[in-house]
C-alpha cells in the first residue's frame, strides 16, 4: 500500500512513482500507456492495469493537463520528506 499524493504541483515533484523510477511526467504517461516491463498478470496477488493505448496527441494532452495543475502558491523549495 502507498499513500497517494495530490496531483497539485505534480510537475514540480519528480522523481515519480513509489520508488522514484521516472524523472519526467512523459515517462510516467508512457509507462501507463504501454505497460512495458511490468510483471506478468499471472503473478499471485499482482493486479495489472491494461495498457491505455493513447495516441501521441493524447499523451501530450495528458502531460499538458498534469503540468497545468502547477501554481505559484506553494513554495516547492520548502517541500520535502516528513520529519521523523
C-alpha atoms as a PDB file:
ATOM      1  CA  UNK A   1       0.000   0.000   0.000  1.00  0.00           C
ATOM      2  CA  UNK A   2       1.126   3.521  -0.758  1.00  0.00           C
ATOM      3  CA  UNK A   3      -0.073   6.922   0.348  1.00  0.00           C
ATOM      4  CA  UNK A   4      -1.031   8.592  -2.915  1.00  0.00           C
ATOM      5  CA  UNK A   5      -0.051  12.268  -3.006  1.00  0.00           C
ATOM      6  CA  UNK A   6      -2.151  15.034  -4.509  1.00  0.00           C
ATOM      7  CA  UNK A   7      -1.648  15.957  -8.165  1.00  0.00           C
ATOM      8  CA  UNK A   8      -1.316  19.609  -7.200  1.00  0.00           C
ATOM      9  CA  UNK A   9       2.092  20.821  -8.405  1.00  0.00           C
ATOM     10  CA  UNK A  10       2.870  17.340  -9.735  1.00  0.00           C
ATOM     11  CA  UNK A  11       5.170  18.820 -12.400  1.00  0.00           C
ATOM     12  CA  UNK A  12       7.426  20.018  -9.566  1.00  0.00           C
ATOM     13  CA  UNK A  13       7.663  16.786  -7.587  1.00  0.00           C
ATOM     14  CA  UNK A  14       9.916  14.465  -9.621  1.00  0.00           C
ATOM     15  CA  UNK A  15      11.021  11.728  -9.349  1.00  0.00           C
ATOM     16  CA  UNK A  16       7.745   9.864  -9.752  1.00  0.00           C
ATOM     17  CA  UNK A  17       6.293   6.538  -8.598  1.00  0.00           C
ATOM     18  CA  UNK A  18       6.743   4.952  -5.195  1.00  0.00           C
ATOM     19  CA  UNK A  19      10.358   4.087  -5.980  1.00  0.00           C
ATOM     20  CA  UNK A  20      11.366   7.204  -7.925  1.00  0.00           C
ATOM     21  CA  UNK A  21      11.665   5.230 -11.160  1.00  0.00           C
ATOM     22  CA  UNK A  22      10.679   8.058 -13.530  1.00  0.00           C
ATOM     23  CA  UNK A  23      12.201  11.518 -13.866  1.00  0.00           C
ATOM     24  CA  UNK A  24       9.522  13.085 -16.113  1.00  0.00           C
ATOM     25  CA  UNK A  25       5.754  13.115 -16.463  1.00  0.00           C
ATOM     26  CA  UNK A  26       6.232  11.928 -20.034  1.00  0.00           C
ATOM     27  CA  UNK A  27       7.878   8.750 -18.719  1.00  0.00           C
ATOM     28  CA  UNK A  28       5.019   8.153 -16.285  1.00  0.00           C
ATOM     29  CA  UNK A  29       2.397   8.573 -19.002  1.00  0.00           C
ATOM     30  CA  UNK A  30       4.360   6.269 -21.336  1.00  0.00           C
ATOM     31  CA  UNK A  31       4.569   3.631 -18.592  1.00  0.00           C
ATOM     32  CA  UNK A  32       0.804   3.597 -18.035  1.00  0.00           C
ATOM     33  CA  UNK A  33       0.144   3.837 -21.765  1.00  0.00           C
ATOM     34  CA  UNK A  34       2.324   0.883 -22.791  1.00  0.00           C
ATOM     35  CA  UNK A  35       2.805  -1.068 -19.511  1.00  0.00           C
ATOM     36  CA  UNK A  36       6.254  -2.137 -20.778  1.00  0.00           C
ATOM     37  CA  UNK A  37       8.426  -4.076 -18.299  1.00  0.00           C
ATOM     38  CA  UNK A  38       5.539  -4.868 -15.958  1.00  0.00           C
ATOM     39  CA  UNK A  39       5.416  -8.223 -14.200  1.00  0.00           C
ATOM     40  CA  UNK A  40       3.056 -10.704 -15.881  1.00  0.00           C
ATOM     41  CA  UNK A  41      -0.511 -10.792 -14.609  1.00  0.00           C
ATOM     42  CA  UNK A  42      -0.180 -14.481 -13.615  1.00  0.00           C
ATOM     43  CA  UNK A  43       1.938 -13.483 -10.570  1.00  0.00           C
ATOM     44  CA  UNK A  44      -0.199 -14.294  -7.500  1.00  0.00           C
ATOM     45  CA  UNK A  45      -1.704 -11.184  -5.951  1.00  0.00           C
ATOM     46  CA  UNK A  46      -0.499  -8.935  -8.775  1.00  0.00           C
ATOM     47  CA  UNK A  47      -3.165  -6.661 -10.184  1.00  0.00           C
ATOM     48  CA  UNK A  48      -2.109  -5.272 -13.533  1.00  0.00           C
ATOM     49  CA  UNK A  49      -3.800  -2.401 -15.322  1.00  0.00           C
ATOM     50  CA  UNK A  50      -4.274  -2.811 -19.034  1.00  0.00           C
ATOM     51  CA  UNK A  51      -2.277  -0.505 -21.355  1.00  0.00           C
ATOM     52  CA  UNK A  52      -4.139   2.721 -22.131  1.00  0.00           C
ATOM     53  CA  UNK A  53      -3.371   2.725 -25.860  1.00  0.00           C
ATOM     54  CA  UNK A  54      -3.171   6.513 -26.158  1.00  0.00           C
ATOM     55  CA  UNK A  55      -2.248   8.370 -29.329  1.00  0.00           C
ATOM     56  CA  UNK A  56       0.775  10.683 -29.270  1.00  0.00           C
ATOM     57  CA  UNK A  57      -1.625  13.654 -29.141  1.00  0.00           C
ATOM     58  CA  UNK A  58      -3.476  12.154 -26.166  1.00  0.00           C
ATOM     59  CA  UNK A  59      -0.183  11.527 -24.349  1.00  0.00           C
ATOM     60  CA  UNK A  60       0.878  15.102 -24.969  1.00  0.00           C
ATOM     61  CA  UNK A  61      -2.518  16.427 -23.849  1.00  0.00           C
ATOM     62  CA  UNK A  62      -2.368  14.377 -20.639  1.00  0.00           C
ATOM     63  CA  UNK A  63       1.101  15.681 -19.777  1.00  0.00           C
ATOM     64  CA  UNK A  64      -0.047  19.255 -20.533  1.00  0.00           C
ATOM     65  CA  UNK A  65      -3.039  18.757 -18.219  1.00  0.00           C
ATOM     66  CA  UNK A  66      -0.833  17.465 -15.403  1.00  0.00           C
ATOM     67  CA  UNK A  67       1.533  20.410 -15.868  1.00  0.00           C
ATOM     68  CA  UNK A  68      -1.432  22.818 -15.718  1.00  0.00           C
ATOM     69  CA  UNK A  69      -2.037  21.725 -12.102  1.00  0.00           C
ATOM     70  CA  UNK A  70       1.051  23.704 -11.042  1.00  0.00           C
ATOM     71  CA  UNK A  71       0.621  27.012  -9.233  1.00  0.00           C
ATOM     72  CA  UNK A  72       2.846  29.549  -7.521  1.00  0.00           C
ATOM     73  CA  UNK A  73       1.106  29.357  -4.155  1.00  0.00           C
ATOM     74  CA  UNK A  74       3.227  26.557  -2.709  1.00  0.00           C
ATOM     75  CA  UNK A  75       6.950  27.177  -2.154  1.00  0.00           C
ATOM     76  CA  UNK A  76       8.344  23.972  -3.659  1.00  0.00           C
ATOM     77  CA  UNK A  77      11.779  24.760  -2.171  1.00  0.00           C
ATOM     78  CA  UNK A  78      10.312  24.052   1.257  1.00  0.00           C
ATOM     79  CA  UNK A  79       8.670  20.762   0.314  1.00  0.00           C
ATOM     80  CA  UNK A  80      10.477  17.630   1.379  1.00  0.00           C
ATOM     81  CA  UNK A  81      10.021  14.340   3.165  1.00  0.00           C
ATOM     82  CA  UNK A  82       8.258  14.463   6.524  1.00  0.00           C
ATOM     83  CA  UNK A  83      10.409  14.733   9.594  1.00  0.00           C
ATOM     84  CA  UNK A  84      10.690  11.572  11.654  1.00  0.00           C
END
